[in-house]
């Protein structure tokens, strides 16, 4: 089963329909508005704008599991992301990324290893997973790795479909 076959809801209700990203590169990031790493939203939006025309999308996955740093309602999350960082990329429903209530999307994602060979549990907000156009996990990046870090951009350029 591909990551793109997994069902997850959209922030504004209904399905997020990950299958629509088949044939594209996708960067899945668990996000939190009140996290010290929230300024990464700006770099994520910049990636979205820079690469969208080349078959790429950022997908934000709000999560409140790390010290309650995403307490808002869907409307509050959307308003914060839009007003504070100009976010235009899609967001999913608020989701659990670790533990017994982990969403199936993250059950699949955590099997991927990062550049150091480490796989397993999500460490914190803003952990990043680069999904290749075929739905496989191409790379994993730690929360403190900036979205526009050279290693992220190199991996992204490598999997872009066009």
Protein backbone atom coordinates (compact mmCIF):
# COMPACT_ATOMS: atom_id res chain seq x y z
CA UNK A 1 0.00 0.00 0.00
CA UNK A 2 1.26 3.44 -0.99
CA UNK A 3 1.11 6.46 1.31
CA UNK A 4 -1.26 7.90 -1.28
CA UNK A 5 -3.78 5.09 -0.67
CA UNK A 6 -4.31 6.04 2.97
CA UNK A 7 -7.45 7.96 3.88
CA UNK A 8 -7.22 11.11 5.98
CA UNK A 9 -9.61 14.01 6.37
CA UNK A 10 -9.05 17.57 5.21
CA UNK A 11 -8.89 20.38 7.78
CA UNK A 12 -12.10 21.92 6.44
CA UNK A 13 -13.93 18.57 6.42
CA UNK A 14 -14.32 15.80 3.89
CA UNK A 15 -11.46 13.68 2.59
CA UNK A 16 -8.01 15.09 1.88
CA UNK A 17 -7.81 12.58 -1.02
CA UNK A 18 -4.07 11.84 -1.04
CA UNK A 19 -4.55 9.88 -4.28
CA UNK A 20 -4.82 13.23 -6.09
CA UNK A 21 -1.06 13.61 -5.54
CA UNK A 22 -0.20 10.47 -7.52
CA UNK A 23 2.51 11.43 -9.98
CA UNK A 24 3.63 14.41 -7.88
CA UNK A 25 6.19 14.98 -5.14
CA UNK A 26 4.68 15.66 -1.73
CA UNK A 27 6.24 16.93 1.51
CA UNK A 28 4.19 15.78 4.50
CA UNK A 29 4.88 17.77 7.68
CA UNK A 30 3.24 17.48 11.11
CA UNK A 31 2.65 21.09 12.08
CA UNK A 32 1.69 23.04 15.21
CA UNK A 33 0.84 26.73 15.41
CA UNK A 34 2.20 27.34 18.91
CA UNK A 35 5.48 25.47 18.43
CA UNK A 36 8.80 27.33 18.47
CA UNK A 37 9.38 25.78 15.02
CA UNK A 38 6.20 27.37 13.59
CA UNK A 39 8.23 29.93 11.60
CA UNK A 40 9.00 26.96 9.31
CA UNK A 41 5.52 27.58 7.89
CA UNK A 42 7.04 30.49 5.93
CA UNK A 43 9.72 28.29 4.33
CA UNK A 44 7.14 25.57 3.62
CA UNK A 45 4.94 28.12 1.85
CA UNK A 46 7.95 29.35 -0.11
CA UNK A 47 8.61 25.77 -1.26
CA UNK A 48 4.96 25.45 -2.21
CA UNK A 49 5.11 28.59 -4.32
CA UNK A 50 8.49 27.78 -5.87
CA UNK A 51 7.79 24.17 -6.86
CA UNK A 52 4.01 23.85 -7.28
CA UNK A 53 4.30 24.33 -11.04
CA UNK A 54 6.72 21.41 -11.20
CA UNK A 55 4.42 18.83 -9.62
CA UNK A 56 4.99 19.43 -5.91
CA UNK A 57 2.76 20.07 -2.90
CA UNK A 58 3.34 20.59 0.81
CA UNK A 59 0.77 18.84 3.01
CA UNK A 60 0.48 20.13 6.58
CA UNK A 61 -0.78 17.70 9.20
CA UNK A 62 -1.79 19.56 12.38
CA UNK A 63 -0.95 17.65 15.56
CA UNK A 64 -1.60 18.56 19.20
CA UNK A 65 0.32 15.67 20.78
CA UNK A 66 3.52 17.59 21.59
CA UNK A 67 2.84 19.75 24.66
CA UNK A 68 -0.57 20.81 23.31
CA UNK A 69 0.98 23.13 20.72
CA UNK A 70 -1.92 22.87 18.27
CA UNK A 71 -4.99 23.43 20.47
CA UNK A 72 -7.10 25.31 17.92
CA UNK A 73 -10.23 24.36 16.07
CA UNK A 74 -9.96 23.74 12.33
CA UNK A 75 -11.13 27.31 11.71
CA UNK A 76 -8.55 28.73 14.13
CA UNK A 77 -5.74 26.66 12.60
CA UNK A 78 -6.67 27.75 9.07
CA UNK A 79 -6.95 31.41 10.11
CA UNK A 80 -3.58 31.35 11.92
CA UNK A 81 -1.77 29.70 9.01
CA UNK A 82 -3.26 32.07 6.46
CA UNK A 83 -2.95 35.31 8.40
CA UNK A 84 0.45 34.69 9.99
CA UNK A 85 2.34 32.86 7.25
CA UNK A 86 0.20 33.20 4.11
CA UNK A 87 -0.18 29.44 3.89
CA UNK A 88 -1.89 28.24 0.71
CA UNK A 89 -0.88 24.58 0.85
CA UNK A 90 -3.46 22.03 2.01
CA UNK A 91 -3.88 21.00 5.64
CA UNK A 92 -5.39 17.78 6.95
CA UNK A 93 -7.57 17.26 9.96
CA UNK A 94 -5.81 17.38 13.34
CA UNK A 95 -4.10 14.01 13.64
CA UNK A 96 -2.21 11.83 16.11
CA UNK A 97 1.27 11.01 14.82
CA UNK A 98 2.50 8.67 17.57
CA UNK A 99 1.28 6.21 20.18
CA UNK A 100 -1.67 3.85 20.27
CA UNK A 101 -3.93 6.37 18.50
CA UNK A 102 -1.43 7.09 15.68
CA UNK A 103 -3.12 7.71 12.34
CA UNK A 104 -2.47 5.01 9.70
CA UNK A 105 -0.64 7.59 7.58
CA UNK A 106 2.01 7.91 10.27
CA UNK A 107 2.08 4.17 10.88
CA UNK A 108 3.34 3.96 7.29
CA UNK A 109 5.59 7.04 7.40
CA UNK A 110 7.53 6.11 10.55
CA UNK A 111 8.96 3.02 8.88
CA UNK A 112 11.12 5.33 6.73
CA UNK A 113 14.61 6.12 7.95
CA UNK A 114 16.30 9.51 7.91
CA UNK A 115 19.81 10.16 6.53
CA UNK A 116 21.32 8.73 9.74
CA UNK A 117 19.34 5.51 9.33
CA UNK A 118 16.95 6.29 12.18
CA UNK A 119 13.32 5.33 11.78
CA UNK A 120 10.51 5.02 14.28
CA UNK A 121 8.50 7.48 16.31
CA UNK A 122 8.00 11.10 15.34
CA UNK A 123 10.36 13.20 17.45
CA UNK A 124 8.52 16.53 17.52
CA UNK A 125 6.47 18.93 15.44
CA UNK A 126 7.67 19.71 11.92
CA UNK A 127 9.15 16.30 11.09
CA UNK A 128 9.18 16.08 7.30
CA UNK A 129 8.58 13.19 4.88
CA UNK A 130 9.26 13.59 1.18
CA UNK A 131 6.97 11.38 -0.89
CA UNK A 132 8.01 10.41 -4.42
CA UNK A 133 5.51 10.55 -7.30
CA UNK A 134 4.90 6.79 -6.94
CA UNK A 135 3.79 7.21 -3.31
CA UNK A 136 6.92 5.85 -1.65
CA UNK A 137 8.79 7.69 1.08
CA UNK A 138 11.91 9.14 -0.56
CA UNK A 139 13.39 10.96 2.46
CA UNK A 140 12.78 11.86 6.07
CA UNK A 141 14.01 15.02 7.79
CA UNK A 142 14.21 15.92 11.47
CA UNK A 143 12.04 18.67 12.94
CA UNK A 144 14.87 21.20 13.20
CA UNK A 145 15.90 20.67 9.58
CA UNK A 146 14.65 23.77 7.82
CA UNK A 147 12.36 23.13 4.82
CA UNK A 148 14.78 25.02 2.56
CA UNK A 149 17.92 23.27 3.85
CA UNK A 150 20.26 22.10 1.07
CA UNK A 151 19.59 18.43 1.80
CA UNK A 152 15.83 18.93 1.56
CA UNK A 153 16.10 20.87 -1.70
CA UNK A 154 18.45 18.26 -3.20
CA UNK A 155 16.10 15.42 -2.29
CA UNK A 156 13.13 17.38 -3.64
CA UNK A 157 14.86 18.17 -6.94
CA UNK A 158 15.71 14.47 -7.25
CA UNK A 159 12.06 13.34 -7.04
CA UNK A 160 10.27 16.13 -8.89
CA UNK A 161 8.29 14.66 -11.79
CA UNK A 162 8.93 17.51 -14.23
